[in-house]
Every structure is written in C-alpha cells, then in structure tokens.
Amino acid sequence: MRVAQVIGRVTLNLQDPSFKGGRWLMVNPLDAGQFNDACRQAPALSTQHSLIAYDNIGASDGDIVGIVEGAEATAPFDFPIPIDAITVAIFDSLSYQPPVV
C-alpha cells in the first residue's frame, strides 16, 4: 500500500458498467518525509508521478488515502475488472517513524 493525496477527480464521457458505484480520482503519492504532517496540512506535491485510482469509498479532494496497485487492486471484486489502482483507506492521522539503521 502507498500513501497518497487526492489532487483531483477524473470525469469520464463513457464508463464501463462494471465500475458502477465508484469514480476515478487523481492521486499524488507522498514521500515518507511527508507522512506525519499530511493529515494536518496539505503536503507539497511530491517528486513521484501522479496516477489515477478507482475510488468506491468516498474520498474527496485533499484527502490522504491508501492506494493499492497492480493485481491486488482487483481483489475486492468478484469478477474480472480492468483496474490498476484502487483507494482502500482514508486516513484521519498518520504517525511514521523511520527505522533506525
């Protein structure tokens, strides 16, 4: 799972019926150094590339979310679905301490 900030919403002209009940969000993955403050203040855009994630949990602009990518993104569905990223959590707070090396 990666942590990301919702930075926009994607509007589709036509959508496959298998996506009923969800929407598409543009998310910007966060760097580890942004985790602790992300839920209190809007983080600056990270150096990572933004991506589009399917959302059926109700995340909105500015929310800090957990996203899952790849084959694991299809796990919540009982049928084959062509997605590569999905939101799986909306965070109220984060506390991250890097491991001591």
N, C-alpha and C. Protein backbone atom coordinates (compact mmCIF):
# COMPACT_ATOMS: atom_id res chain seq x y z
N MET A 1 0.85 -1.18 0.00
CA MET A 1 0.00 0.00 0.00
C MET A 1 0.89 1.23 0.00
N ARG A 2 0.46 2.23 -0.74
CA ARG A 2 1.14 3.52 -0.77
C ARG A 2 0.20 4.57 -0.22
N VAL A 3 0.78 5.64 0.31
CA VAL A 3 0.00 6.76 0.84
C VAL A 3 0.03 7.88 -0.19
N ALA A 4 -1.15 8.46 -0.46
CA ALA A 4 -1.25 9.50 -1.49
C ALA A 4 -2.27 10.56 -1.08
N GLN A 5 -2.17 11.71 -1.72
CA GLN A 5 -3.14 12.78 -1.52
C GLN A 5 -4.00 12.88 -2.78
N VAL A 6 -5.31 13.01 -2.58
CA VAL A 6 -6.23 13.20 -3.70
C VAL A 6 -6.05 14.64 -4.20
N ILE A 7 -5.71 14.78 -5.49
CA ILE A 7 -5.49 16.12 -6.04
C ILE A 7 -6.49 16.48 -7.13
N GLY A 8 -7.41 15.58 -7.44
CA GLY A 8 -8.40 15.90 -8.45
C GLY A 8 -9.31 14.72 -8.74
N ARG A 9 -10.27 14.98 -9.57
CA ARG A 9 -11.26 13.98 -9.95
C ARG A 9 -11.26 13.87 -11.47
N VAL A 10 -11.43 12.67 -11.97
CA VAL A 10 -11.45 12.44 -13.41
C VAL A 10 -12.90 12.30 -13.86
N THR A 11 -13.26 13.02 -14.90
CA THR A 11 -14.60 12.94 -15.46
C THR A 11 -14.54 12.14 -16.74
N LEU A 12 -15.36 11.11 -16.82
CA LEU A 12 -15.38 10.24 -17.98
C LEU A 12 -16.61 10.51 -18.84
N ASN A 13 -16.42 10.45 -20.12
CA ASN A 13 -17.51 10.60 -21.06
C ASN A 13 -18.34 9.32 -21.13
N LEU A 14 -17.65 8.18 -21.02
CA LEU A 14 -18.29 6.88 -21.07
C LEU A 14 -17.55 5.96 -20.12
N GLN A 15 -18.28 5.18 -19.34
CA GLN A 15 -17.67 4.30 -18.34
C GLN A 15 -18.26 2.90 -18.46
N ASP A 16 -17.41 1.91 -18.33
CA ASP A 16 -17.86 0.52 -18.37
C ASP A 16 -18.83 0.26 -17.22
N PRO A 17 -19.91 -0.46 -17.42
CA PRO A 17 -20.89 -0.72 -16.36
C PRO A 17 -20.32 -1.43 -15.13
N SER A 18 -19.20 -2.14 -15.28
CA SER A 18 -18.62 -2.83 -14.12
C SER A 18 -18.08 -1.86 -13.07
N PHE A 19 -17.92 -0.59 -13.43
CA PHE A 19 -17.43 0.41 -12.49
C PHE A 19 -18.55 1.17 -11.78
N LYS A 20 -19.79 0.71 -11.91
CA LYS A 20 -20.92 1.39 -11.29
C LYS A 20 -20.71 1.53 -9.78
N GLY A 21 -21.01 2.70 -9.26
CA GLY A 21 -20.89 2.94 -7.83
C GLY A 21 -19.56 3.52 -7.41
N GLY A 22 -18.65 3.73 -8.32
CA GLY A 22 -17.35 4.29 -7.99
C GLY A 22 -17.02 5.45 -8.91
N ARG A 23 -15.85 6.02 -8.68
CA ARG A 23 -15.39 7.13 -9.52
C ARG A 23 -13.88 7.05 -9.62
N TRP A 24 -13.31 7.90 -10.41
CA TRP A 24 -11.87 7.91 -10.64
C TRP A 24 -11.28 9.17 -10.04
N LEU A 25 -10.20 9.01 -9.30
CA LEU A 25 -9.52 10.14 -8.67
C LEU A 25 -8.08 10.22 -9.13
N MET A 26 -7.56 11.44 -9.24
CA MET A 26 -6.15 11.63 -9.49
C MET A 26 -5.47 11.78 -8.13
N VAL A 27 -4.46 10.96 -7.89
CA VAL A 27 -3.77 10.98 -6.60
C VAL A 27 -2.29 11.19 -6.81
N ASN A 28 -1.66 11.83 -5.82
CA ASN A 28 -0.23 12.09 -5.86
C ASN A 28 0.41 11.35 -4.69
N PRO A 29 1.18 10.29 -4.97
CA PRO A 29 1.84 9.55 -3.89
C PRO A 29 2.75 10.46 -3.07
N LEU A 30 2.79 10.23 -1.76
CA LEU A 30 3.61 11.05 -0.86
C LEU A 30 4.95 10.39 -0.59
N ASP A 31 5.94 11.21 -0.31
CA ASP A 31 7.24 10.73 0.14
C ASP A 31 7.15 10.45 1.64
N ALA A 32 7.98 9.56 2.15
CA ALA A 32 7.94 9.19 3.57
C ALA A 32 8.09 10.40 4.49
N GLY A 33 8.83 11.39 4.08
CA GLY A 33 9.02 12.59 4.90
C GLY A 33 7.77 13.43 5.04
N GLN A 34 6.76 13.18 4.24
CA GLN A 34 5.52 13.95 4.28
C GLN A 34 4.43 13.29 5.12
N PHE A 35 4.63 12.06 5.54
CA PHE A 35 3.57 11.29 6.21
C PHE A 35 3.05 11.96 7.48
N ASN A 36 3.92 12.38 8.38
CA ASN A 36 3.48 12.86 9.70
C ASN A 36 2.63 14.12 9.64
N ASP A 37 2.87 15.01 8.69
CA ASP A 37 2.12 16.26 8.61
C ASP A 37 1.00 16.23 7.58
N ALA A 38 0.90 15.18 6.80
CA ALA A 38 -0.01 15.14 5.66
C ALA A 38 -1.48 15.35 6.04
N CYS A 39 -1.91 14.82 7.17
CA CYS A 39 -3.32 14.94 7.55
C CYS A 39 -3.64 16.27 8.22
N ARG A 40 -2.60 17.00 8.65
CA ARG A 40 -2.82 18.29 9.32
C ARG A 40 -2.74 19.47 8.37
N GLN A 41 -1.86 19.38 7.38
CA GLN A 41 -1.72 20.46 6.40
C GLN A 41 -1.47 19.84 5.03
N ALA A 42 -1.91 20.53 4.01
CA ALA A 42 -1.77 19.99 2.65
C ALA A 42 -0.30 19.87 2.29
N PRO A 43 0.14 18.66 1.94
CA PRO A 43 1.54 18.49 1.57
C PRO A 43 1.83 19.09 0.18
N ALA A 44 3.09 19.48 0.00
CA ALA A 44 3.52 19.94 -1.32
C ALA A 44 3.52 18.74 -2.25
N LEU A 45 3.37 18.97 -3.53
CA LEU A 45 3.40 17.86 -4.47
C LEU A 45 4.74 17.15 -4.38
N SER A 46 4.69 15.83 -4.32
CA SER A 46 5.91 15.05 -4.20
C SER A 46 6.59 14.92 -5.55
N THR A 47 7.74 14.33 -5.55
CA THR A 47 8.50 14.15 -6.78
C THR A 47 8.01 12.94 -7.58
N GLN A 48 7.10 12.17 -7.01
CA GLN A 48 6.58 10.99 -7.70
C GLN A 48 5.49 11.40 -8.70
N HIS A 49 5.27 10.57 -9.68
CA HIS A 49 4.25 10.84 -10.70
C HIS A 49 2.86 10.59 -10.14
N SER A 50 1.92 11.42 -10.53
CA SER A 50 0.53 11.23 -10.14
C SER A 50 -0.05 10.05 -10.90
N LEU A 51 -1.13 9.47 -10.35
CA LEU A 51 -1.79 8.37 -11.03
C LEU A 51 -3.29 8.44 -10.81
N ILE A 52 -4.00 7.65 -11.57
CA ILE A 52 -5.46 7.59 -11.48
C ILE A 52 -5.84 6.33 -10.70
N ALA A 53 -6.70 6.49 -9.71
CA ALA A 53 -7.13 5.35 -8.89
C ALA A 53 -8.65 5.29 -8.85
N TYR A 54 -9.18 4.08 -8.88
CA TYR A 54 -10.62 3.86 -8.75
C TYR A 54 -10.98 4.04 -7.27
N ASP A 55 -12.08 4.73 -7.03
CA ASP A 55 -12.49 5.01 -5.64
C ASP A 55 -13.94 4.65 -5.45
N ASN A 56 -14.20 3.78 -4.48
CA ASN A 56 -15.59 3.47 -4.12
C ASN A 56 -15.80 3.62 -2.62
N ILE A 57 -14.90 4.38 -1.95
CA ILE A 57 -15.05 4.61 -0.51
C ILE A 57 -15.37 6.06 -0.18
N GLY A 58 -15.44 6.93 -1.18
CA GLY A 58 -15.88 8.31 -0.97
C GLY A 58 -14.80 9.32 -0.65
N ALA A 59 -13.59 9.10 -1.10
CA ALA A 59 -12.52 10.08 -0.88
C ALA A 59 -12.80 11.33 -1.71
N SER A 60 -12.31 12.47 -1.23
CA SER A 60 -12.52 13.72 -1.97
C SER A 60 -11.22 14.52 -2.02
N ASP A 61 -11.26 15.64 -2.73
CA ASP A 61 -10.06 16.47 -2.91
C ASP A 61 -9.39 16.78 -1.57
N GLY A 62 -8.08 16.59 -1.53
CA GLY A 62 -7.31 16.90 -0.34
C GLY A 62 -7.17 15.76 0.65
N ASP A 63 -8.01 14.73 0.54
CA ASP A 63 -7.93 13.60 1.47
C ASP A 63 -6.61 12.85 1.30
N ILE A 64 -6.12 12.29 2.41
CA ILE A 64 -4.95 11.43 2.38
C ILE A 64 -5.48 10.00 2.37
N VAL A 65 -5.10 9.24 1.35
CA VAL A 65 -5.65 7.91 1.15
C VAL A 65 -4.55 6.87 1.03
N GLY A 66 -4.94 5.62 1.28
CA GLY A 66 -4.08 4.49 1.00
C GLY A 66 -4.51 3.93 -0.34
N ILE A 67 -3.55 3.64 -1.20
CA ILE A 67 -3.87 3.06 -2.50
C ILE A 67 -3.12 1.74 -2.67
N VAL A 68 -3.75 0.83 -3.36
CA VAL A 68 -3.14 -0.46 -3.68
C VAL A 68 -3.09 -0.53 -5.20
N GLU A 69 -1.97 -1.03 -5.72
CA GLU A 69 -1.78 -1.09 -7.15
C GLU A 69 -1.56 -2.52 -7.63
N GLY A 70 -1.69 -2.70 -8.93
CA GLY A 70 -1.40 -4.00 -9.54
C GLY A 70 -2.54 -4.99 -9.36
N ALA A 71 -2.20 -6.26 -9.40
CA ALA A 71 -3.19 -7.33 -9.30
C ALA A 71 -3.99 -7.26 -8.00
N GLU A 72 -3.37 -6.79 -6.93
CA GLU A 72 -4.06 -6.70 -5.64
C GLU A 72 -5.22 -5.71 -5.69
N ALA A 73 -5.19 -4.75 -6.61
CA ALA A 73 -6.27 -3.77 -6.73
C ALA A 73 -7.58 -4.40 -7.16
N THR A 74 -7.52 -5.56 -7.78
CA THR A 74 -8.74 -6.24 -8.23
C THR A 74 -9.34 -7.15 -7.16
N ALA A 75 -8.65 -7.35 -6.05
CA ALA A 75 -9.08 -8.29 -5.01
C ALA A 75 -10.48 -8.02 -4.45
N PRO A 76 -10.94 -6.77 -4.29
CA PRO A 76 -12.28 -6.56 -3.72
C PRO A 76 -13.44 -6.98 -4.62
N PHE A 77 -13.16 -7.34 -5.86
CA PHE A 77 -14.22 -7.62 -6.82
C PHE A 77 -14.38 -9.11 -7.05
N ASP A 78 -15.62 -9.54 -7.25
CA ASP A 78 -15.93 -10.95 -7.50
C ASP A 78 -15.88 -11.29 -8.99
N PHE A 79 -15.50 -10.34 -9.81
CA PHE A 79 -15.49 -10.53 -11.25
C PHE A 79 -14.24 -9.84 -11.81
N PRO A 80 -13.80 -10.26 -12.98
CA PRO A 80 -12.63 -9.61 -13.58
C PRO A 80 -12.92 -8.13 -13.85
N ILE A 81 -11.99 -7.27 -13.50
CA ILE A 81 -12.17 -5.83 -13.69
C ILE A 81 -10.84 -5.21 -14.08
N PRO A 82 -10.84 -4.35 -15.06
CA PRO A 82 -9.59 -3.79 -15.57
C PRO A 82 -9.13 -2.53 -14.82
N ILE A 83 -8.65 -2.70 -13.60
CA ILE A 83 -8.10 -1.55 -12.87
C ILE A 83 -6.68 -1.86 -12.43
N ASP A 84 -5.91 -0.80 -12.20
CA ASP A 84 -4.53 -0.97 -11.77
C ASP A 84 -4.27 -0.30 -10.42
N ALA A 85 -5.20 0.54 -9.95
CA ALA A 85 -5.02 1.19 -8.64
C ALA A 85 -6.40 1.45 -8.05
N ILE A 86 -6.51 1.29 -6.72
CA ILE A 86 -7.77 1.49 -6.02
C ILE A 86 -7.49 2.11 -4.65
N THR A 87 -8.38 3.00 -4.21
CA THR A 87 -8.25 3.54 -2.86
C THR A 87 -8.81 2.51 -1.88
N VAL A 88 -8.11 2.31 -0.76
CA VAL A 88 -8.54 1.31 0.22
C VAL A 88 -8.70 1.90 1.62
N ALA A 89 -8.28 3.14 1.83
CA ALA A 89 -8.38 3.75 3.16
C ALA A 89 -8.35 5.27 3.02
N ILE A 90 -9.05 5.95 3.93
CA ILE A 90 -8.95 7.40 4.08
C ILE A 90 -8.39 7.63 5.48
N PHE A 91 -7.23 8.28 5.56
CA PHE A 91 -6.56 8.44 6.85
C PHE A 91 -7.00 9.71 7.57
N ASP A 92 -7.26 9.57 8.88
CA ASP A 92 -7.54 10.72 9.73
C ASP A 92 -6.25 11.28 10.28
N SER A 93 -5.29 10.40 10.57
CA SER A 93 -3.97 10.82 11.06
C SER A 93 -2.95 9.75 10.71
N LEU A 94 -1.71 10.16 10.64
CA LEU A 94 -0.60 9.25 10.37
C LEU A 94 0.53 9.55 11.33
N SER A 95 1.18 8.52 11.81
CA SER A 95 2.37 8.68 12.66
C SER A 95 3.42 7.73 12.12
N TYR A 96 4.49 8.28 11.60
CA TYR A 96 5.53 7.47 10.97
C TYR A 96 6.89 7.83 11.58
N GLN A 97 7.61 6.79 11.98
CA GLN A 97 8.98 6.96 12.47
C GLN A 97 9.86 6.02 11.65
N PRO A 98 10.80 6.58 10.88
CA PRO A 98 11.66 5.73 10.06
C PRO A 98 12.47 4.77 10.91
N PRO A 99 12.75 3.59 10.39
CA PRO A 99 13.55 2.63 11.14
C PRO A 99 14.97 3.14 11.34
N VAL A 100 15.56 2.81 12.46
CA VAL A 100 16.93 3.21 12.76
C VAL A 100 17.85 2.20 12.07
N VAL A 101 18.77 2.73 11.28
CA VAL A 101 19.68 1.85 10.54
C VAL A 101 21.04 1.81 11.19
